[in-house]
Structures are given as C-alpha cells and as structure tokens.
Amino acid sequence: MRKKLWIGIGAIVLTLGIGTAVYAADTGSKTFEQMLPFMKKMHPNLTEQQLNDMHKSCEEHSGSMGTMMKSGGSGMMKDMSSMMSRSSMM
C-alpha cells in the first residue's frame, strides 16, 4: 500500500513539475513596453525609470532561473528515482 502511495505522489509531483516547466517556457518574455501598463497599475508610486530597472532585474533573474531549471532538472529526476527506490525497500 505504501509503495503505491509513494508512486502516486511521485507521479503527481513529476507531472506538475513538467507542466510548470512547459508553461514557463511557453509564456516567453514580454518587452518593457508591453508590461508598462500593468507595472504602472501595480506600482503607481514608481517612476518609469524605476519600473524599467525593475523589469531589467526580473529579466536577469528569470534568465538565471531558466539556466538553473535546465541544469537541475536531471538532478530532480535522480532525487525522485532514489526516493522511490528507498520506499520500495520498506
């Protein structure tokens, strides 16, 4: 019973992880001009220069996260595999 539970949880986690990665890759990045109306609405007290700096910072951060996801994806698979093999020993 425990083995089936862990396999089910592993399958759900794996499915959600892959779905999130596909969604993130599909959305792409928007230009500052496209985001400006939304940013002004969310941060009405900031100047356009401050919003531009924020947008650049977010782009840099998302670029590093994308690299981390690509390099870390196989590690996550290994972790899931080892977790599932440990649970089968119980």
PDB file of N, CA and C in Angstrom:
ATOM      1  N   MET A   1       0.819  -1.194   0.000  1.00  0.00           N
ATOM      2  CA  MET A   1       0.000   0.000   0.000  1.00  0.00           C
ATOM      3  C   MET A   1       0.865   1.261   0.000  1.00  0.00           C
ATOM      4  N   ARG A   2       1.916   1.266   0.836  1.00  0.00           N
ATOM      5  CA  ARG A   2       2.808   2.427   0.892  1.00  0.00           C
ATOM      6  C   ARG A   2       3.514   2.643  -0.436  1.00  0.00           C
ATOM      7  N   LYS A   3       3.907   1.557  -1.055  1.00  0.00           N
ATOM      8  CA  LYS A   3       4.626   1.663  -2.329  1.00  0.00           C
ATOM      9  C   LYS A   3       3.739   2.346  -3.371  1.00  0.00           C
ATOM     10  N   LYS A   4       2.494   1.962  -3.437  1.00  0.00           N
ATOM     11  CA  LYS A   4       1.565   2.574  -4.390  1.00  0.00           C
ATOM     12  C   LYS A   4       1.343   4.045  -4.081  1.00  0.00           C
ATOM     13  N   LEU A   5       1.266   4.376  -2.807  1.00  0.00           N
ATOM     14  CA  LEU A   5       1.092   5.764  -2.400  1.00  0.00           C
ATOM     15  C   LEU A   5       2.280   6.609  -2.840  1.00  0.00           C
ATOM     16  N   TRP A   6       3.507   6.129  -2.598  1.00  0.00           N
ATOM     17  CA  TRP A   6       4.703   6.878  -2.991  1.00  0.00           C
ATOM     18  C   TRP A   6       4.821   6.991  -4.508  1.00  0.00           C
ATOM     19  N   ILE A   7       4.458   5.958  -5.205  1.00  0.00           N
ATOM     20  CA  ILE A   7       4.486   6.019  -6.669  1.00  0.00           C
ATOM     21  C   ILE A   7       3.467   7.045  -7.163  1.00  0.00           C
ATOM     22  N   GLY A   8       2.292   7.052  -6.578  1.00  0.00           N
ATOM     23  CA  GLY A   8       1.269   8.034  -6.943  1.00  0.00           C
ATOM     24  C   GLY A   8       1.710   9.458  -6.655  1.00  0.00           C
ATOM     25  N   ILE A   9       2.286   9.684  -5.476  1.00  0.00           N
ATOM     26  CA  ILE A   9       2.779  11.017  -5.128  1.00  0.00           C
ATOM     27  C   ILE A   9       3.901  11.430  -6.069  1.00  0.00           C
ATOM     28  N   GLY A  10       4.810  10.508  -6.362  1.00  0.00           N
ATOM     29  CA  GLY A  10       5.905  10.800  -7.286  1.00  0.00           C
ATOM     30  C   GLY A  10       5.397  11.162  -8.673  1.00  0.00           C
ATOM     31  N   ALA A  11       4.388  10.441  -9.139  1.00  0.00           N
ATOM     32  CA  ALA A  11       3.825  10.725 -10.461  1.00  0.00           C
ATOM     33  C   ALA A  11       3.166  12.102 -10.498  1.00  0.00           C
ATOM     34  N   ILE A  12       2.468  12.453  -9.424  1.00  0.00           N
ATOM     35  CA  ILE A  12       1.816  13.768  -9.359  1.00  0.00           C
ATOM     36  C   ILE A  12       2.855  14.879  -9.338  1.00  0.00           C
ATOM     37  N   VAL A  13       3.884  14.739  -8.517  1.00  0.00           N
ATOM     38  CA  VAL A  13       4.939  15.749  -8.431  1.00  0.00           C
ATOM     39  C   VAL A  13       5.647  15.898  -9.772  1.00  0.00           C
ATOM     40  N   LEU A  14       5.958  14.792 -10.393  1.00  0.00           N
ATOM     41  CA  LEU A  14       6.628  14.820 -11.691  1.00  0.00           C
ATOM     42  C   LEU A  14       5.757  15.487 -12.749  1.00  0.00           C
ATOM     43  N   THR A  15       4.481  15.162 -12.766  1.00  0.00           N
ATOM     44  CA  THR A  15       3.558  15.755 -13.734  1.00  0.00           C
ATOM     45  C   THR A  15       3.428  17.257 -13.528  1.00  0.00           C
ATOM     46  N   LEU A  16       3.282  17.686 -12.289  1.00  0.00           N
ATOM     47  CA  LEU A  16       3.177  19.119 -12.005  1.00  0.00           C
ATOM     48  C   LEU A  16       4.470  19.851 -12.351  1.00  0.00           C
ATOM     49  N   GLY A  17       5.611  19.225 -12.075  1.00  0.00           N
ATOM     50  CA  GLY A  17       6.898  19.839 -12.398  1.00  0.00           C
ATOM     51  C   GLY A  17       7.088  20.018 -13.888  1.00  0.00           C
ATOM     52  N   ILE A  18       6.769  18.998 -14.650  1.00  0.00           N
ATOM     53  CA  ILE A  18       6.897  19.085 -16.105  1.00  0.00           C
ATOM     54  C   ILE A  18       5.903  20.101 -16.660  1.00  0.00           C
ATOM     55  N   GLY A  19       4.683  20.099 -16.149  1.00  0.00           N
ATOM     56  CA  GLY A  19       3.677  21.058 -16.604  1.00  0.00           C
ATOM     57  C   GLY A  19       4.092  22.492 -16.345  1.00  0.00           C
ATOM     58  N   THR A  20       4.673  22.732 -15.177  1.00  0.00           N
ATOM     59  CA  THR A  20       5.145  24.071 -14.846  1.00  0.00           C
ATOM     60  C   THR A  20       6.273  24.505 -15.770  1.00  0.00           C
ATOM     61  N   ALA A  21       7.202  23.610 -16.049  1.00  0.00           N
ATOM     62  CA  ALA A  21       8.322  23.934 -16.934  1.00  0.00           C
ATOM     63  C   ALA A  21       7.829  24.236 -18.347  1.00  0.00           C
ATOM     64  N   VAL A  22       6.878  23.467 -18.836  1.00  0.00           N
ATOM     65  CA  VAL A  22       6.340  23.701 -20.177  1.00  0.00           C
ATOM     66  C   VAL A  22       5.607  25.034 -20.217  1.00  0.00           C
ATOM     67  N   TYR A  23       4.824  25.324 -19.191  1.00  0.00           N
ATOM     68  CA  TYR A  23       4.102  26.596 -19.141  1.00  0.00           C
ATOM     69  C   TYR A  23       5.077  27.774 -19.098  1.00  0.00           C
ATOM     70  N   ALA A  24       6.116  27.663 -18.291  1.00  0.00           N
ATOM     71  CA  ALA A  24       7.099  28.746 -18.167  1.00  0.00           C
ATOM     72  C   ALA A  24       7.843  28.961 -19.475  1.00  0.00           C
ATOM     73  N   ALA A  25       8.162  27.898 -20.176  1.00  0.00           N
ATOM     74  CA  ALA A  25       8.873  28.026 -21.441  1.00  0.00           C
ATOM     75  C   ALA A  25       7.964  28.605 -22.523  1.00  0.00           C
ATOM     76  N   ASP A  26       6.677  28.340 -22.425  1.00  0.00           N
ATOM     77  CA  ASP A  26       5.733  28.779 -23.443  1.00  0.00           C
ATOM     78  C   ASP A  26       5.375  30.261 -23.318  1.00  0.00           C
ATOM     79  N   THR A  27       5.400  30.805 -22.118  1.00  0.00           N
ATOM     80  CA  THR A  27       4.955  32.180 -21.919  1.00  0.00           C
ATOM     81  C   THR A  27       5.905  33.194 -22.535  1.00  0.00           C
ATOM     82  N   GLY A  28       7.198  32.895 -22.579  1.00  0.00           N
ATOM     83  CA  GLY A  28       8.161  33.825 -23.167  1.00  0.00           C
ATOM     84  C   GLY A  28       8.262  35.101 -22.352  1.00  0.00           C
ATOM     85  N   SER A  29       9.170  35.979 -22.753  1.00  0.00           N
ATOM     86  CA  SER A  29       9.310  37.238 -22.022  1.00  0.00           C
ATOM     87  C   SER A  29       8.656  38.357 -22.817  1.00  0.00           C
ATOM     88  N   LYS A  30       8.109  39.297 -22.103  1.00  0.00           N
ATOM     89  CA  LYS A  30       7.446  40.444 -22.719  1.00  0.00           C
ATOM     90  C   LYS A  30       8.394  41.631 -22.665  1.00  0.00           C
ATOM     91  N   THR A  31       8.234  42.524 -23.604  1.00  0.00           N
ATOM     92  CA  THR A  31       9.062  43.719 -23.615  1.00  0.00           C
ATOM     93  C   THR A  31       8.590  44.682 -22.536  1.00  0.00           C
ATOM     94  N   PHE A  32       9.445  45.629 -22.234  1.00  0.00           N
ATOM     95  CA  PHE A  32       9.101  46.617 -21.214  1.00  0.00           C
ATOM     96  C   PHE A  32       7.856  47.398 -21.622  1.00  0.00           C
ATOM     97  N   GLU A  33       7.738  47.731 -22.895  1.00  0.00           N
ATOM     98  CA  GLU A  33       6.579  48.499 -23.368  1.00  0.00           C
ATOM     99  C   GLU A  33       5.279  47.719 -23.194  1.00  0.00           C
ATOM    100  N   GLN A  34       5.337  46.405 -23.379  1.00  0.00           N
ATOM    101  CA  GLN A  34       4.146  45.577 -23.205  1.00  0.00           C
ATOM    102  C   GLN A  34       3.742  45.480 -21.729  1.00  0.00           C
ATOM    103  N   MET A  35       4.731  45.478 -20.854  1.00  0.00           N
ATOM    104  CA  MET A  35       4.469  45.314 -19.429  1.00  0.00           C
ATOM    105  C   MET A  35       4.171  46.629 -18.709  1.00  0.00           C
ATOM    106  N   LEU A  36       4.538  47.764 -19.311  1.00  0.00           N
ATOM    107  CA  LEU A  36       4.437  49.052 -18.634  1.00  0.00           C
ATOM    108  C   LEU A  36       3.042  49.370 -18.071  1.00  0.00           C
ATOM    109  N   PRO A  37       1.946  49.172 -18.822  1.00  0.00           N
ATOM    110  CA  PRO A  37       0.621  49.481 -18.249  1.00  0.00           C
ATOM    111  C   PRO A  37       0.317  48.653 -16.989  1.00  0.00           C
ATOM    112  N   PHE A  38       0.697  47.379 -16.997  1.00  0.00           N
ATOM    113  CA  PHE A  38       0.448  46.522 -15.834  1.00  0.00           C
ATOM    114  C   PHE A  38       1.332  46.926 -14.663  1.00  0.00           C
ATOM    115  N   MET A  39       2.582  47.275 -14.980  1.00  0.00           N
ATOM    116  CA  MET A  39       3.509  47.670 -13.923  1.00  0.00           C
ATOM    117  C   MET A  39       3.072  48.984 -13.279  1.00  0.00           C
ATOM    118  N   LYS A  40       2.581  49.920 -14.089  1.00  0.00           N
ATOM    119  CA  LYS A  40       2.104  51.194 -13.536  1.00  0.00           C
ATOM    120  C   LYS A  40       0.892  50.975 -12.635  1.00  0.00           C
ATOM    121  N   LYS A  41       0.056  50.034 -13.008  1.00  0.00           N
ATOM    122  CA  LYS A  41      -1.124  49.737 -12.210  1.00  0.00           C
ATOM    123  C   LYS A  41      -0.738  49.101 -10.867  1.00  0.00           C
ATOM    124  N   MET A  42       0.253  48.214 -10.898  1.00  0.00           N
ATOM    125  CA  MET A  42       0.676  47.530  -9.683  1.00  0.00           C
ATOM    126  C   MET A  42       1.553  48.409  -8.788  1.00  0.00           C
ATOM    127  N   HIS A  43       2.321  49.303  -9.397  1.00  0.00           N
ATOM    128  CA  HIS A  43       3.260  50.152  -8.658  1.00  0.00           C
ATOM    129  C   HIS A  43       3.057  51.609  -9.064  1.00  0.00           C
ATOM    130  N   PRO A  44       1.958  52.239  -8.665  1.00  0.00           N
ATOM    131  CA  PRO A  44       1.638  53.595  -9.132  1.00  0.00           C
ATOM    132  C   PRO A  44       2.605  54.673  -8.629  1.00  0.00           C
ATOM    133  N   ASN A  45       3.325  54.411  -7.567  1.00  0.00           N
ATOM    134  CA  ASN A  45       4.210  55.427  -6.992  1.00  0.00           C
ATOM    135  C   ASN A  45       5.610  55.433  -7.603  1.00  0.00           C
ATOM    136  N   LEU A  46       5.920  54.476  -8.471  1.00  0.00           N
ATOM    137  CA  LEU A  46       7.263  54.395  -9.051  1.00  0.00           C
ATOM    138  C   LEU A  46       7.330  55.166 -10.361  1.00  0.00           C
ATOM    139  N   THR A  47       8.518  55.691 -10.637  1.00  0.00           N
ATOM    140  CA  THR A  47       8.726  56.390 -11.917  1.00  0.00           C
ATOM    141  C   THR A  47       8.933  55.368 -13.015  1.00  0.00           C
ATOM    142  N   GLU A  48       8.885  55.840 -14.251  1.00  0.00           N
ATOM    143  CA  GLU A  48       9.083  54.937 -15.385  1.00  0.00           C
ATOM    144  C   GLU A  48      10.503  54.362 -15.379  1.00  0.00           C
ATOM    145  N   GLN A  49      11.472  55.148 -14.941  1.00  0.00           N
ATOM    146  CA  GLN A  49      12.857  54.653 -14.854  1.00  0.00           C
ATOM    147  C   GLN A  49      12.975  53.550 -13.802  1.00  0.00           C
ATOM    148  N   GLN A  50      12.308  53.724 -12.671  1.00  0.00           N
ATOM    149  CA  GLN A  50      12.330  52.690 -11.630  1.00  0.00           C
ATOM    150  C   GLN A  50      11.652  51.410 -12.122  1.00  0.00           C
ATOM    151  N   LEU A  51      10.563  51.572 -12.861  1.00  0.00           N
ATOM    152  CA  LEU A  51       9.877  50.401 -13.420  1.00  0.00           C
ATOM    153  C   LEU A  51      10.759  49.694 -14.446  1.00  0.00           C
ATOM    154  N   ASN A  52      11.481  50.485 -15.245  1.00  0.00           N
ATOM    155  CA  ASN A  52      12.387  49.903 -16.235  1.00  0.00           C
ATOM    156  C   ASN A  52      13.498  49.116 -15.531  1.00  0.00           C
ATOM    157  N   ASP A  53      14.054  49.681 -14.467  1.00  0.00           N
ATOM    158  CA  ASP A  53      15.080  48.977 -13.701  1.00  0.00           C
ATOM    159  C   ASP A  53      14.532  47.675 -13.107  1.00  0.00           C
ATOM    160  N   MET A  54      13.295  47.724 -12.617  1.00  0.00           N
ATOM    161  CA  MET A  54      12.664  46.538 -12.057  1.00  0.00           C
ATOM    162  C   MET A  54      12.495  45.464 -13.134  1.00  0.00           C
ATOM    163  N   HIS A  55      12.066  45.880 -14.305  1.00  0.00           N
ATOM    164  CA  HIS A  55      11.862  44.938 -15.407  1.00  0.00           C
ATOM    165  C   HIS A  55      13.179  44.278 -15.795  1.00  0.00           C
ATOM    166  N   LYS A  56      14.248  45.068 -15.890  1.00  0.00           N
ATOM    167  CA  LYS A  56      15.563  44.516 -16.224  1.00  0.00           C
ATOM    168  C   LYS A  56      16.022  43.526 -15.163  1.00  0.00           C
ATOM    169  N   SER A  57      15.789  43.859 -13.913  1.00  0.00           N
ATOM    170  CA  SER A  57      16.172  42.968 -12.821  1.00  0.00           C
ATOM    171  C   SER A  57      15.419  41.643 -12.906  1.00  0.00           C
ATOM    172  N   CYS A  58      14.135  41.720 -13.215  1.00  0.00           N
ATOM    173  CA  CYS A  58      13.331  40.497 -13.344  1.00  0.00           C
ATOM    174  C   CYS A  58      13.794  39.650 -14.520  1.00  0.00           C
ATOM    175  N   GLU A  59      14.159  40.296 -15.629  1.00  0.00           N
ATOM    176  CA  GLU A  59      14.647  39.552 -16.790  1.00  0.00           C
ATOM    177  C   GLU A  59      15.938  38.825 -16.456  1.00  0.00           C
ATOM    178  N   GLU A  60      16.845  39.505 -15.756  1.00  0.00           N
ATOM    179  CA  GLU A  60      18.110  38.878 -15.375  1.00  0.00           C
ATOM    180  C   GLU A  60      17.865  37.706 -14.437  1.00  0.00           C
ATOM    181  N   HIS A  61      16.961  37.872 -13.502  1.00  0.00           N
ATOM    182  CA  HIS A  61      16.659  36.811 -12.536  1.00  0.00           C
ATOM    183  C   HIS A  61      16.009  35.619 -13.224  1.00  0.00           C
ATOM    184  N   SER A  62      15.092  35.871 -14.133  1.00  0.00           N
ATOM    185  CA  SER A  62      14.416  34.759 -14.810  1.00  0.00           C
ATOM    186  C   SER A  62      15.372  34.021 -15.730  1.00  0.00           C
ATOM    187  N   GLY A  63      16.353  34.720 -16.285  1.00  0.00           N
ATOM    188  CA  GLY A  63      17.354  34.048 -17.115  1.00  0.00           C
ATOM    189  C   GLY A  63      18.181  33.077 -16.302  1.00  0.00           C
ATOM    190  N   SER A  64      18.572  33.473 -15.096  1.00  0.00           N
ATOM    191  CA  SER A  64      19.353  32.578 -14.244  1.00  0.00           C
ATOM    192  C   SER A  64      18.492  31.419 -13.751  1.00  0.00           C
ATOM    193  N   MET A  65      17.203  31.674 -13.522  1.00  0.00           N
ATOM    194  CA  MET A  65      16.311  30.593 -13.087  1.00  0.00           C
ATOM    195  C   MET A  65      16.125  29.580 -14.199  1.00  0.00           C
ATOM    196  N   GLY A  66      16.032  30.056 -15.436  1.00  0.00           N
ATOM    197  CA  GLY A  66      15.892  29.137 -16.562  1.00  0.00           C
ATOM    198  C   GLY A  66      17.096  28.230 -16.702  1.00  0.00           C
ATOM    199  N   THR A  67      18.284  28.796 -16.507  1.00  0.00           N
ATOM    200  CA  THR A  67      19.500  28.001 -16.562  1.00  0.00           C
ATOM    201  C   THR A  67      19.526  26.998 -15.426  1.00  0.00           C
ATOM    202  N   MET A  68      19.095  27.434 -14.246  1.00  0.00           N
ATOM    203  CA  MET A  68      19.074  26.544 -13.094  1.00  0.00           C
ATOM    204  C   MET A  68      18.090  25.399 -13.321  1.00  0.00           C
ATOM    205  N   MET A  69      16.936  25.701 -13.893  1.00  0.00           N
ATOM    206  CA  MET A  69      15.945  24.647 -14.149  1.00  0.00           C
ATOM    207  C   MET A  69      16.484  23.629 -15.136  1.00  0.00           C
ATOM    208  N   LYS A  70      17.179  24.118 -16.189  1.00  0.00           N
ATOM    209  CA  LYS A  70      17.718  23.197 -17.190  1.00  0.00           C
ATOM    210  C   LYS A  70      18.784  22.302 -16.590  1.00  0.00           C
ATOM    211  N   SER A  71      19.662  22.882 -15.780  1.00  0.00           N
ATOM    212  CA  SER A  71      20.736  22.078 -15.194  1.00  0.00           C
ATOM    213  C   SER A  71      20.229  21.228 -14.038  1.00  0.00           C
ATOM    214  N   GLY A  72      19.219  21.702 -13.327  1.00  0.00           N
ATOM    215  CA  GLY A  72      18.734  20.997 -12.148  1.00  0.00           C
ATOM    216  C   GLY A  72      17.667  19.974 -12.444  1.00  0.00           C
ATOM    217  N   GLY A  73      17.127  19.976 -13.641  1.00  0.00           N
ATOM    218  CA  GLY A  73      16.045  19.052 -13.963  1.00  0.00           C
ATOM    219  C   GLY A  73      16.449  17.608 -13.834  1.00  0.00           C
ATOM    220  N   SER A  74      17.632  17.264 -14.327  1.00  0.00           N
ATOM    221  CA  SER A  74      18.076  15.878 -14.242  1.00  0.00           C
ATOM    222  C   SER A  74      18.353  15.493 -12.799  1.00  0.00           C
ATOM    223  N   GLY A  75      18.812  16.458 -11.990  1.00  0.00           N
ATOM    224  CA  GLY A  75      19.039  16.191 -10.572  1.00  0.00           C
ATOM    225  C   GLY A  75      17.738  15.876  -9.864  1.00  0.00           C
ATOM    226  N   MET A  76      16.670  16.582 -10.237  1.00  0.00           N
ATOM    227  CA  MET A  76      15.375  16.325  -9.632  1.00  0.00           C
ATOM    228  C   MET A  76      14.908  14.918  -9.985  1.00  0.00           C
ATOM    229  N   MET A  77      15.156  14.513 -11.213  1.00  0.00           N
ATOM    230  CA  MET A  77      14.760  13.167 -11.627  1.00  0.00           C
ATOM    231  C   MET A  77      15.525  12.120 -10.822  1.00  0.00           C
ATOM    232  N   LYS A  78      16.814  12.355 -10.591  1.00  0.00           N
ATOM    233  CA  LYS A  78      17.610  11.420  -9.807  1.00  0.00           C
ATOM    234  C   LYS A  78      17.106  11.357  -8.375  1.00  0.00           C
ATOM    235  N   ASP A  79      16.760  12.518  -7.798  1.00  0.00           N
ATOM    236  CA  ASP A  79      16.231  12.545  -6.439  1.00  0.00           C
ATOM    237  C   ASP A  79      14.933  11.757  -6.345  1.00  0.00           C
ATOM    238  N   MET A  80      14.052  11.956  -7.331  1.00  0.00           N
ATOM    239  CA  MET A  80      12.781  11.228  -7.329  1.00  0.00           C
ATOM    240  C   MET A  80      13.029   9.730  -7.454  1.00  0.00           C
ATOM    241  N   SER A  81      13.980   9.364  -8.312  1.00  0.00           N
ATOM    242  CA  SER A  81      14.283   7.953  -8.520  1.00  0.00           C
ATOM    243  C   SER A  81      14.820   7.322  -7.248  1.00  0.00           C
ATOM    244  N   SER A  82      15.735   8.014  -6.567  1.00  0.00           N
ATOM    245  CA  SER A  82      16.292   7.454  -5.341  1.00  0.00           C
ATOM    246  C   SER A  82      15.241   7.390  -4.247  1.00  0.00           C
ATOM    247  N   MET A  83      14.337   8.383  -4.191  1.00  0.00           N
ATOM    248  CA  MET A  83      13.291   8.381  -3.184  1.00  0.00           C
ATOM    249  C   MET A  83      12.358   7.184  -3.413  1.00  0.00           C
ATOM    250  N   MET A  84      12.036   6.935  -4.668  1.00  0.00           N
ATOM    251  CA  MET A  84      11.127   5.834  -4.975  1.00  0.00           C
ATOM    252  C   MET A  84      11.788   4.495  -4.703  1.00  0.00           C
ATOM    253  N   SER A  85      13.100   4.383  -4.985  1.00  0.00           N
ATOM    254  CA  SER A  85      13.767   3.109  -4.734  1.00  0.00           C
ATOM    255  C   SER A  85      13.899   2.846  -3.231  1.00  0.00           C
ATOM    256  N   ARG A  86      14.114   3.906  -2.427  1.00  0.00           N
ATOM    257  CA  ARG A  86      14.169   3.737  -0.976  1.00  0.00           C
ATOM    258  C   ARG A  86      12.827   3.294  -0.425  1.00  0.00           C
ATOM    259  N   SER A  87      11.747   3.850  -0.976  1.00  0.00           N
ATOM    260  CA  SER A  87      10.425   3.493  -0.460  1.00  0.00           C
ATOM    261  C   SER A  87      10.072   2.051  -0.815  1.00  0.00           C
ATOM    262  N   SER A  88      10.626   1.542  -1.911  1.00  0.00           N
ATOM    263  CA  SER A  88      10.324   0.157  -2.278  1.00  0.00           C
ATOM    264  C   SER A  88      11.054  -0.828  -1.383  1.00  0.00           C
ATOM    265  N   MET A  89      12.122  -0.373  -0.681  1.00  0.00           N
ATOM    266  CA  MET A  89      12.855  -1.248   0.226  1.00  0.00           C
ATOM    267  C   MET A  89      12.110  -1.460   1.523  1.00  0.00           C
ATOM    268  N   MET A  90      11.151  -0.598   1.837  1.00  0.00           N
ATOM    269  CA  MET A  90      10.409  -0.696   3.110  1.00  0.00           C
ATOM    270  C   MET A  90       9.463  -1.848   3.102  1.00  0.00           C
TER     271      MET A  90
END
